[in-house]
Amino acid sequence: MWLGYQTDFTLNDIYGTLPKLKELGIKWVVIDDRWWDKYGDWNLRKYTFPGGEKQVKQFVDSLHNQGFKVKIWWAPTPVQPEEIINFGGSVEPGEAMVVKNHPEWLIMDEEGNYPRDCRDMYQLCPAVPEVQEYMKTLTTRFIKDWGFDGHKLDAYYVVPPCFNPAHHHKNPDESYNEMPQLLKAIYDTSKEIKPFSVTEICNCGTTQDFYQSVYTDQPVTSDPTSQVQQRQRVKIIKALWGANAPAYTDHVEHIRIDADMNDKSDTAKVGQDFATAMGCGGVIGTKFTWPNGPQNMQLTGEREKHWQKWFKLYNEKMLCEGNYLNLYDVVFDKPESHVIQKSDTFYYAFYADKWQGQIELRGLDNLKYKVYDYDNQVDLGIVTGPVATISPTFKEHLLIECTPVK
């Protein structure tokens, strides 16, 4: 993701980072907030793409030619009013053209006003058929015309009841109830153009809406504030989507370690706990910069070695493709425990500030297993299933694999 460069990233920033992406084995990338001009219009921002549509097509083609797939960030419901009062994000000033041309598409409250969302934007009404068609038009632009391979839908959650008389709602809640149909328009259009396309829905700061989930390929933990929250959300995603659901754990730098979450300075300490994302079967992510960018995002020195280690382990184990076995309770079982099964091998992840004592290895077959700490490359001996115990000492986490002894 290019969010590590903040909103005023350039194409040179992106091209400069590609060699490191290749080294780490990263295949999917996201051009994030803020390539566009105004919410709702989603035209190219001249600062980022001075060459217009020709340039964005060349950009996507160049990444494809280097073996990458590319998603594009946007938001389906917010549209930009003439004046923004309570939003600190970067936008082009002025009202979106979709507001000027189609004010009848907007959600209206009981007093006849246009309510604003958390980014101080008006909102399109998902129940309006023309709005759903507009989503198809935007999706066709991004996937077919520009060549992107999927979406990161972000910066929206739900919509309020709509009292716009032009919509002839039988019930004001139709605006909220029809939100999944808005996403269906995006999802189905993407699949018609590119069957392999990926739609990611990030309900910032909240868990995924169950009714939207059918129209997403990649559920995400959505801006977790702690490692514990990260792991719990992965467990929930595996329960709702299936044992091998590709639960994206958001960029690892999002969790600010021992710091104010609102501290966006170049020196704020950011997370690097890949063990939390990987151990419970999540898809790992990052928004590092290289060779320049904000100081705390640069992939240099020991930080680069850490990234190399964990992306190598991730690509070797691919635990996100295994089956999450719901054999431990995250509240009552201590330490916090998770287990992933891939073929005849079991991968356990244990988390605690400090731990010394017995741990039960659940789910094994009635076989002998070699126990190996693949994080620290330490052999922990042989155990016998179906229920075995080990007595480790560790801080923060312990990641082990149990393979049958042939």
Protein backbone atom coordinates (compact mmCIF):
# COMPACT_ATOMS: atom_id res chain seq x y z
CA MET A 1 0.00 0.00 0.00
CA TRP A 2 1.13 3.51 -0.68
CA LEU A 3 -0.45 4.92 2.46
CA GLY A 4 2.98 4.88 4.08
CA TYR A 5 3.86 7.91 1.95
CA GLN A 6 0.71 9.69 3.24
CA THR A 7 -1.81 11.25 0.86
CA ASP A 8 0.59 13.15 -1.38
CA PHE A 9 2.42 10.13 -2.77
CA THR A 10 3.80 10.24 -6.31
CA LEU A 11 4.14 7.58 -8.97
CA ASN A 12 7.91 7.72 -8.48
CA ASP A 13 7.35 6.77 -4.82
CA ILE A 14 5.43 3.72 -5.99
CA TYR A 15 7.88 2.69 -8.69
CA GLY A 16 10.77 3.07 -6.25
CA THR A 17 9.19 0.61 -3.81
CA LEU A 18 8.57 -2.18 -6.33
CA PRO A 19 12.02 -3.83 -6.04
CA LYS A 20 11.46 -4.39 -2.32
CA LEU A 21 7.99 -5.78 -2.94
CA LYS A 22 9.52 -8.33 -5.30
CA GLU A 23 12.21 -9.25 -2.77
CA LEU A 24 9.56 -9.89 -0.11
CA GLY A 25 7.33 -11.90 -2.43
CA ILE A 26 4.37 -9.49 -2.24
CA LYS A 27 2.02 -10.03 -5.18
CA TRP A 28 -0.99 -7.78 -4.46
CA VAL A 29 -0.68 -4.02 -3.95
CA VAL A 30 -3.19 -1.23 -3.32
CA ILE A 31 -3.10 2.32 -4.60
CA ASP A 32 -4.66 3.92 -1.57
CA ASP A 33 -6.20 7.19 -0.44
CA ARG A 34 -5.66 9.73 -2.27
CA TRP A 35 -5.29 9.25 -6.02
CA TRP A 36 -8.67 10.93 -6.78
CA ASP A 37 -10.10 14.44 -6.87
CA LYS A 38 -13.46 14.48 -5.01
CA TYR A 39 -15.54 11.94 -3.14
CA GLY A 40 -18.36 10.71 -5.35
CA ASP A 41 -16.79 11.68 -8.70
CA TRP A 42 -13.64 9.55 -8.38
CA ASN A 43 -11.79 11.20 -11.22
CA LEU A 44 -8.02 11.16 -11.34
CA ARG A 45 -6.18 13.72 -9.24
CA LYS A 46 -3.89 15.82 -11.41
CA TYR A 47 -1.20 15.89 -8.70
CA THR A 48 -0.88 12.09 -8.84
CA PHE A 49 -1.77 11.46 -12.49
CA PRO A 50 -0.98 14.61 -14.48
CA GLY A 51 -1.21 12.53 -17.66
CA GLY A 52 -4.82 11.54 -16.97
CA GLU A 53 -6.38 8.25 -18.02
CA LYS A 54 -3.56 7.38 -20.39
CA GLN A 55 -1.10 7.59 -17.52
CA VAL A 56 -3.17 5.52 -15.07
CA LYS A 57 -3.52 2.78 -17.69
CA GLN A 58 0.24 2.84 -18.27
CA PHE A 59 0.78 2.69 -14.50
CA VAL A 60 -1.44 -0.37 -14.04
CA ASP A 61 0.04 -2.08 -17.11
CA SER A 62 3.56 -1.50 -15.82
CA LEU A 63 2.74 -3.20 -12.51
CA HIS A 64 1.06 -6.09 -14.32
CA ASN A 65 4.15 -6.51 -16.48
CA GLN A 66 6.21 -6.89 -13.30
CA GLY A 67 3.95 -9.61 -11.93
CA PHE A 68 1.74 -7.58 -9.56
CA LYS A 69 -2.02 -7.41 -9.17
CA VAL A 70 -3.38 -3.98 -8.22
CA LYS A 71 -6.43 -2.86 -6.21
CA ILE A 72 -7.83 0.66 -6.08
CA TRP A 73 -9.14 2.46 -2.99
CA TRP A 74 -12.53 4.18 -3.08
CA ALA A 75 -15.77 4.54 -1.14
CA PRO A 76 -19.24 3.78 -2.57
CA THR A 77 -21.55 6.04 -0.52
CA PRO A 78 -19.81 9.35 0.42
CA VAL A 79 -20.17 12.34 -1.92
CA GLN A 80 -18.52 15.68 -1.43
CA PRO A 81 -20.52 18.81 -0.42
CA GLU A 82 -19.54 22.31 -1.42
CA GLU A 83 -17.96 23.02 1.95
CA ILE A 84 -16.30 20.55 4.32
CA ILE A 85 -16.16 21.66 7.93
CA ASN A 86 -15.20 18.74 10.17
CA PHE A 87 -12.85 16.58 8.12
CA GLY A 88 -9.08 16.87 8.22
CA GLY A 89 -8.43 14.67 5.20
CA SER A 90 -7.00 15.82 1.90
CA VAL A 91 -9.58 16.64 -0.81
CA GLU A 92 -9.91 18.94 -3.77
CA PRO A 93 -12.12 21.90 -2.75
CA GLY A 94 -15.65 22.27 -4.06
CA GLU A 95 -18.78 20.25 -4.60
CA ALA A 96 -18.67 16.94 -6.45
CA MET A 97 -20.23 16.94 -9.89
CA VAL A 98 -22.47 14.03 -8.93
CA VAL A 99 -24.05 16.28 -6.28
CA LYS A 100 -24.57 19.09 -8.77
CA ASN A 101 -26.00 16.81 -11.43
CA HIS A 102 -27.99 14.42 -9.24
CA PRO A 103 -29.03 15.93 -5.90
CA GLU A 104 -32.07 13.65 -6.10
CA TRP A 105 -29.76 10.68 -5.42
CA LEU A 106 -28.82 11.90 -1.94
CA ILE A 107 -30.07 10.71 1.42
CA MET A 108 -32.28 13.31 3.12
CA ASP A 109 -33.33 13.51 6.77
CA GLU A 110 -36.79 14.34 8.15
CA GLU A 111 -36.06 18.09 8.09
CA GLY A 112 -35.07 18.05 4.43
CA ASN A 113 -31.34 18.34 5.11
CA TYR A 114 -28.57 16.16 3.74
CA PRO A 115 -26.99 14.35 6.73
CA ARG A 116 -23.21 14.05 6.78
CA ASP A 117 -21.10 11.02 7.58
CA CYS A 118 -17.97 10.75 9.73
CA ARG A 119 -15.92 12.44 6.98
CA ASP A 120 -18.42 15.28 6.67
CA MET A 121 -19.73 13.96 3.35
CA TYR A 122 -23.23 13.65 1.97
CA GLN A 123 -24.31 10.10 1.17
CA LEU A 124 -25.81 8.42 -1.85
CA CYS A 125 -28.94 6.39 -1.16
CA PRO A 126 -28.22 2.71 -1.90
CA ALA A 127 -31.92 1.99 -2.56
CA VAL A 128 -32.05 4.25 -5.62
CA PRO A 129 -31.70 2.14 -8.81
CA GLU A 130 -29.80 4.94 -10.58
CA VAL A 131 -27.25 4.95 -7.76
CA GLN A 132 -26.70 1.22 -8.17
CA GLU A 133 -26.21 1.78 -11.90
CA TYR A 134 -23.72 4.53 -11.11
CA MET A 135 -21.74 2.02 -9.02
CA LYS A 136 -21.60 -0.28 -12.05
CA THR A 137 -20.34 2.61 -14.19
CA LEU A 138 -17.57 3.44 -11.70
CA THR A 139 -16.60 -0.21 -11.37
CA THR A 140 -16.36 -0.58 -15.14
CA ARG A 141 -14.12 2.49 -15.26
CA PHE A 142 -11.75 1.11 -12.61
CA ILE A 143 -11.61 -2.55 -13.67
CA LYS A 144 -12.15 -2.51 -17.44
CA ASP A 145 -11.04 0.95 -18.60
CA TRP A 146 -8.15 1.51 -16.21
CA GLY A 147 -7.22 -2.16 -15.72
CA PHE A 148 -7.27 -2.53 -11.92
CA ASP A 149 -7.79 -6.01 -10.49
CA GLY A 150 -10.06 -5.19 -7.58
CA HIS A 151 -11.20 -2.72 -4.95
CA LYS A 152 -10.46 -1.64 -1.43
CA LEU A 153 -13.83 -0.20 -0.40
CA ASP A 154 -13.27 2.02 2.60
CA ALA A 155 -14.35 5.13 4.51
CA TYR A 156 -17.97 4.11 4.91
CA TYR A 157 -19.95 2.02 7.39
CA VAL A 158 -23.73 2.26 7.11
CA VAL A 159 -26.16 4.95 5.97
CA PRO A 160 -28.96 6.66 7.94
CA PRO A 161 -32.69 6.38 7.21
CA CYS A 162 -33.69 8.27 4.08
CA PHE A 163 -36.71 10.58 3.86
CA ASN A 164 -36.03 11.96 0.38
CA PRO A 165 -39.50 12.19 -1.22
CA ALA A 166 -37.99 11.67 -4.66
CA HIS A 167 -37.12 8.08 -3.69
CA HIS A 168 -40.67 7.01 -2.77
CA HIS A 169 -39.43 4.74 0.01
CA LYS A 170 -42.02 2.48 1.60
CA ASN A 171 -39.85 2.64 4.70
CA PRO A 172 -37.00 5.09 5.50
CA ASP A 173 -34.84 2.11 6.49
CA GLU A 174 -34.70 0.99 2.87
CA SER A 175 -31.55 3.09 2.48
CA TYR A 176 -29.75 0.94 5.06
CA ASN A 177 -31.38 -2.33 4.05
CA GLU A 178 -30.33 -1.91 0.42
CA MET A 179 -26.65 -1.26 1.17
CA PRO A 180 -25.73 -4.87 0.28
CA GLN A 181 -27.35 -4.37 -3.14
CA LEU A 182 -25.04 -1.44 -3.74
CA LEU A 183 -22.08 -3.70 -2.99
CA LYS A 184 -23.55 -6.46 -5.14
CA ALA A 185 -23.53 -4.08 -8.09
CA ILE A 186 -19.80 -3.48 -7.56
CA TYR A 187 -18.97 -7.12 -6.85
CA ASP A 188 -20.91 -8.65 -9.73
CA THR A 189 -19.67 -6.09 -12.25
CA SER A 190 -16.07 -6.76 -11.18
CA LYS A 191 -16.50 -10.51 -11.55
CA GLU A 192 -18.10 -10.14 -14.97
CA ILE A 193 -15.09 -8.16 -16.19
CA LYS A 194 -12.37 -10.06 -14.29
CA PRO A 195 -13.49 -13.29 -12.59
CA PHE A 196 -10.33 -13.27 -10.42
CA SER A 197 -10.92 -9.71 -9.19
CA VAL A 198 -10.80 -9.13 -5.44
CA THR A 199 -13.18 -6.91 -3.49
CA GLU A 200 -12.00 -5.94 -0.02
CA ILE A 201 -14.39 -4.14 2.33
CA CYS A 202 -12.85 -2.24 5.24
CA ASN A 203 -15.43 -0.93 7.70
CA CYS A 204 -12.89 1.29 9.44
CA GLY A 205 -12.56 0.45 13.13
CA THR A 206 -15.45 -2.02 13.21
CA THR A 207 -15.97 -5.67 12.41
CA GLN A 208 -17.43 -6.60 9.05
CA ASP A 209 -21.16 -6.23 8.53
CA PHE A 210 -22.58 -9.76 8.15
CA TYR A 211 -25.03 -8.69 5.44
CA GLN A 212 -22.27 -7.15 3.32
CA SER A 213 -19.98 -10.13 3.69
CA VAL A 214 -21.33 -12.13 0.75
CA TYR A 215 -20.04 -9.44 -1.62
CA THR A 216 -16.44 -9.41 -0.47
CA ASP A 217 -13.56 -11.71 -1.38
CA GLN A 218 -11.25 -10.43 1.31
CA PRO A 219 -12.62 -9.62 4.77
CA VAL A 220 -10.32 -7.40 6.81
CA THR A 221 -9.74 -6.73 10.50
CA SER A 222 -10.36 -3.03 9.77
CA ASP A 223 -7.94 -0.80 11.70
CA PRO A 224 -7.40 -2.86 14.87
CA THR A 225 -6.07 -0.97 17.87
CA SER A 226 -4.23 -3.86 19.56
CA GLN A 227 -2.75 -7.26 18.83
CA VAL A 228 -5.45 -8.94 20.92
CA GLN A 229 -8.18 -7.23 18.91
CA GLN A 230 -6.41 -8.23 15.72
CA ARG A 231 -6.43 -11.93 16.62
CA GLN A 232 -10.00 -11.91 17.89
CA ARG A 233 -11.23 -10.37 14.66
CA VAL A 234 -9.42 -13.01 12.62
CA LYS A 235 -11.14 -15.69 14.71
CA ILE A 236 -14.53 -14.06 14.08
CA ILE A 237 -13.86 -13.84 10.34
CA LYS A 238 -12.93 -17.54 10.25
CA ALA A 239 -16.17 -18.35 12.05
CA LEU A 240 -18.34 -16.30 9.66
CA TRP A 241 -16.61 -16.88 6.31
CA GLY A 242 -15.19 -20.35 6.81
CA ALA A 243 -12.15 -22.04 8.32
CA ASN A 244 -9.82 -21.04 5.48
CA ALA A 245 -11.17 -17.52 4.87
CA PRO A 246 -8.47 -15.06 3.69
CA ALA A 247 -8.69 -12.71 6.68
CA TYR A 248 -6.56 -9.70 5.85
CA THR A 249 -5.00 -8.31 9.04
CA ASP A 250 -4.46 -4.78 7.70
CA HIS A 251 -1.01 -3.23 7.44
CA VAL A 252 1.18 -4.27 10.36
CA GLU A 253 2.24 -0.65 10.97
CA HIS A 254 -1.31 0.39 11.85
CA ILE A 255 -1.02 -0.65 15.50
CA ARG A 256 0.93 2.07 17.30
CA ILE A 257 3.04 0.41 19.97
CA ASP A 258 3.04 2.20 23.35
CA ALA A 259 1.89 5.39 21.66
CA ASP A 260 -1.17 7.48 21.01
CA MET A 261 -3.11 5.96 18.10
CA ASN A 262 -3.67 9.49 16.81
CA ASP A 263 0.05 10.25 16.64
CA LYS A 264 0.69 10.37 12.88
CA SER A 265 4.15 11.91 13.11
CA ASP A 266 7.07 10.59 11.10
CA THR A 267 8.69 9.28 14.30
CA ALA A 268 5.68 7.63 15.98
CA LYS A 269 6.51 4.04 16.86
CA VAL A 270 4.56 1.68 14.61
CA GLY A 271 3.83 -2.02 14.82
CA GLN A 272 5.82 -4.91 13.44
CA ASP A 273 4.09 -7.87 15.07
CA PHE A 274 3.71 -10.23 12.13
CA ALA A 275 3.44 -13.17 14.55
CA THR A 276 0.01 -11.92 15.64
CA ALA A 277 -1.25 -11.68 12.06
CA MET A 278 0.28 -14.90 10.78
CA GLY A 279 -0.10 -17.29 13.72
CA CYS A 280 -3.90 -17.33 13.72
CA GLY A 281 -4.13 -17.74 9.93
CA GLY A 282 -4.34 -14.14 8.77
CA VAL A 283 -3.09 -12.56 5.56
CA ILE A 284 -0.26 -10.18 6.44
CA GLY A 285 0.18 -6.68 5.01
CA THR A 286 2.45 -3.67 5.16
CA LYS A 287 2.71 -0.07 4.03
CA PHE A 288 6.48 0.41 4.31
CA THR A 289 8.30 3.00 2.22
CA TRP A 290 11.62 2.61 0.43
CA PRO A 291 14.10 4.10 -0.01
CA ASN A 292 12.61 7.37 1.30
CA GLY A 293 9.33 8.40 2.87
CA PRO A 294 8.44 9.05 6.54
CA GLN A 295 11.22 7.97 8.89
CA ASN A 296 9.13 5.44 10.80
CA MET A 297 7.93 3.75 7.61
CA GLN A 298 11.28 3.28 5.86
CA LEU A 299 12.38 -0.31 5.38
CA THR A 300 16.00 0.00 6.47
CA GLY A 301 18.47 -1.70 8.79
CA GLU A 302 17.14 -4.20 11.33
CA ARG A 303 13.60 -3.38 10.29
CA GLU A 304 14.27 -4.66 6.80
CA LYS A 305 15.70 -7.92 8.19
CA HIS A 306 12.59 -8.34 10.33
CA TRP A 307 10.31 -7.89 7.30
CA GLN A 308 12.40 -10.33 5.25
CA LYS A 309 12.16 -12.97 7.96
CA TRP A 310 8.40 -12.77 8.38
CA PHE A 311 7.44 -12.54 4.73
CA LYS A 312 9.67 -15.54 4.06
CA LEU A 313 7.94 -17.49 6.83
CA TYR A 314 4.52 -16.35 5.63
CA ASN A 315 5.16 -17.41 2.04
CA GLU A 316 6.61 -20.76 3.16
CA LYS A 317 3.79 -21.68 5.57
CA MET A 318 0.78 -19.94 3.96
CA LEU A 319 -1.27 -20.56 7.10
CA CYS A 320 -4.01 -18.35 5.68
CA GLU A 321 -4.83 -21.25 3.35
CA GLY A 322 -5.12 -23.79 6.16
CA ASN A 323 -8.21 -24.66 8.18
CA TYR A 324 -8.71 -22.81 11.44
CA LEU A 325 -9.74 -25.34 14.11
CA ASN A 326 -11.92 -23.79 16.78
CA LEU A 327 -10.45 -25.82 19.65
CA TYR A 328 -9.51 -23.04 22.08
CA ASP A 329 -11.49 -20.30 23.79
CA VAL A 330 -9.80 -16.90 23.63
CA VAL A 331 -11.25 -15.91 27.01
CA PHE A 332 -10.89 -18.95 29.26
CA ASP A 333 -7.95 -20.90 27.78
CA LYS A 334 -4.55 -19.62 28.85
CA PRO A 335 -2.32 -18.75 27.14
CA GLU A 336 -4.37 -17.44 24.22
CA SER A 337 -4.22 -20.28 21.70
CA HIS A 338 -4.97 -20.84 18.03
CA VAL A 339 -4.41 -23.84 15.74
CA ILE A 340 -4.36 -24.17 11.94
CA GLN A 341 -4.36 -27.52 10.13
CA LYS A 342 -2.72 -27.97 6.72
CA SER A 343 -2.90 -31.54 5.47
CA ASP A 344 -1.39 -33.68 8.27
CA THR A 345 0.52 -30.80 9.91
CA PHE A 346 -0.80 -28.69 12.79
CA TYR A 347 0.37 -25.11 13.40
CA TYR A 348 -0.15 -23.71 16.89
CA ALA A 349 0.17 -20.08 17.97
CA PHE A 350 0.27 -19.09 21.65
CA TYR A 351 0.24 -15.52 22.99
CA ALA A 352 0.97 -14.08 26.43
CA ASP A 353 3.10 -11.31 27.93
CA LYS A 354 5.04 -14.02 29.76
CA TRP A 355 4.39 -17.74 29.99
CA GLN A 356 5.93 -20.67 31.82
CA GLY A 357 4.02 -23.89 32.27
CA GLN A 358 2.07 -26.59 30.49
CA ILE A 359 0.12 -26.08 27.26
CA GLU A 360 -2.28 -28.62 25.78
CA LEU A 361 -1.94 -29.39 22.07
CA ARG A 362 -5.48 -30.19 20.94
CA GLY A 363 -6.71 -31.69 17.68
CA LEU A 364 -3.83 -34.06 16.94
CA ASP A 365 -4.39 -37.52 15.49
CA ASN A 366 -3.37 -40.63 17.40
CA LEU A 367 0.19 -40.33 16.11
CA LYS A 368 3.64 -39.20 17.17
CA TYR A 369 4.58 -35.66 16.15
CA LYS A 370 7.77 -33.68 15.92
CA VAL A 371 7.31 -30.28 17.59
CA TYR A 372 9.28 -27.42 16.04
CA ASP A 373 9.43 -23.71 16.93
CA TYR A 374 9.63 -22.37 13.38
CA ASP A 375 10.04 -18.75 14.52
CA ASN A 376 13.24 -19.38 16.48
CA GLN A 377 14.21 -22.61 14.66
CA VAL A 378 14.25 -24.75 17.80
CA ASP A 379 13.35 -28.45 18.03
CA LEU A 380 10.98 -28.99 20.98
CA GLY A 381 10.92 -32.78 20.90
CA ILE A 382 8.36 -35.49 20.20
CA VAL A 383 4.78 -35.71 21.49
CA THR A 384 1.97 -38.24 21.03
CA GLY A 385 -1.62 -37.36 20.08
CA PRO A 386 -4.55 -37.09 20.22
CA VAL A 387 -3.94 -34.75 23.18
CA ALA A 388 -0.37 -33.84 24.03
CA THR A 389 1.28 -31.31 26.33
CA ILE A 390 4.41 -29.20 26.17
CA SER A 391 5.97 -27.03 28.89
CA PRO A 392 7.53 -24.00 27.18
CA THR A 393 8.73 -20.67 28.46
CA PHE A 394 8.18 -17.68 26.18
CA LYS A 395 7.44 -13.97 25.97
CA GLU A 396 4.80 -12.47 23.67
CA HIS A 397 4.34 -15.46 21.38
CA LEU A 398 5.27 -19.02 20.55
CA LEU A 399 4.68 -20.42 17.07
CA ILE A 400 5.13 -24.17 16.55
CA GLU A 401 4.40 -26.79 13.93
CA CYS A 402 3.65 -30.43 14.67
CA THR A 403 4.47 -32.82 11.83
CA PRO A 404 3.84 -36.60 11.98
CA VAL A 405 6.88 -38.72 12.64
CA LYS A 406 7.16 -41.12 9.68
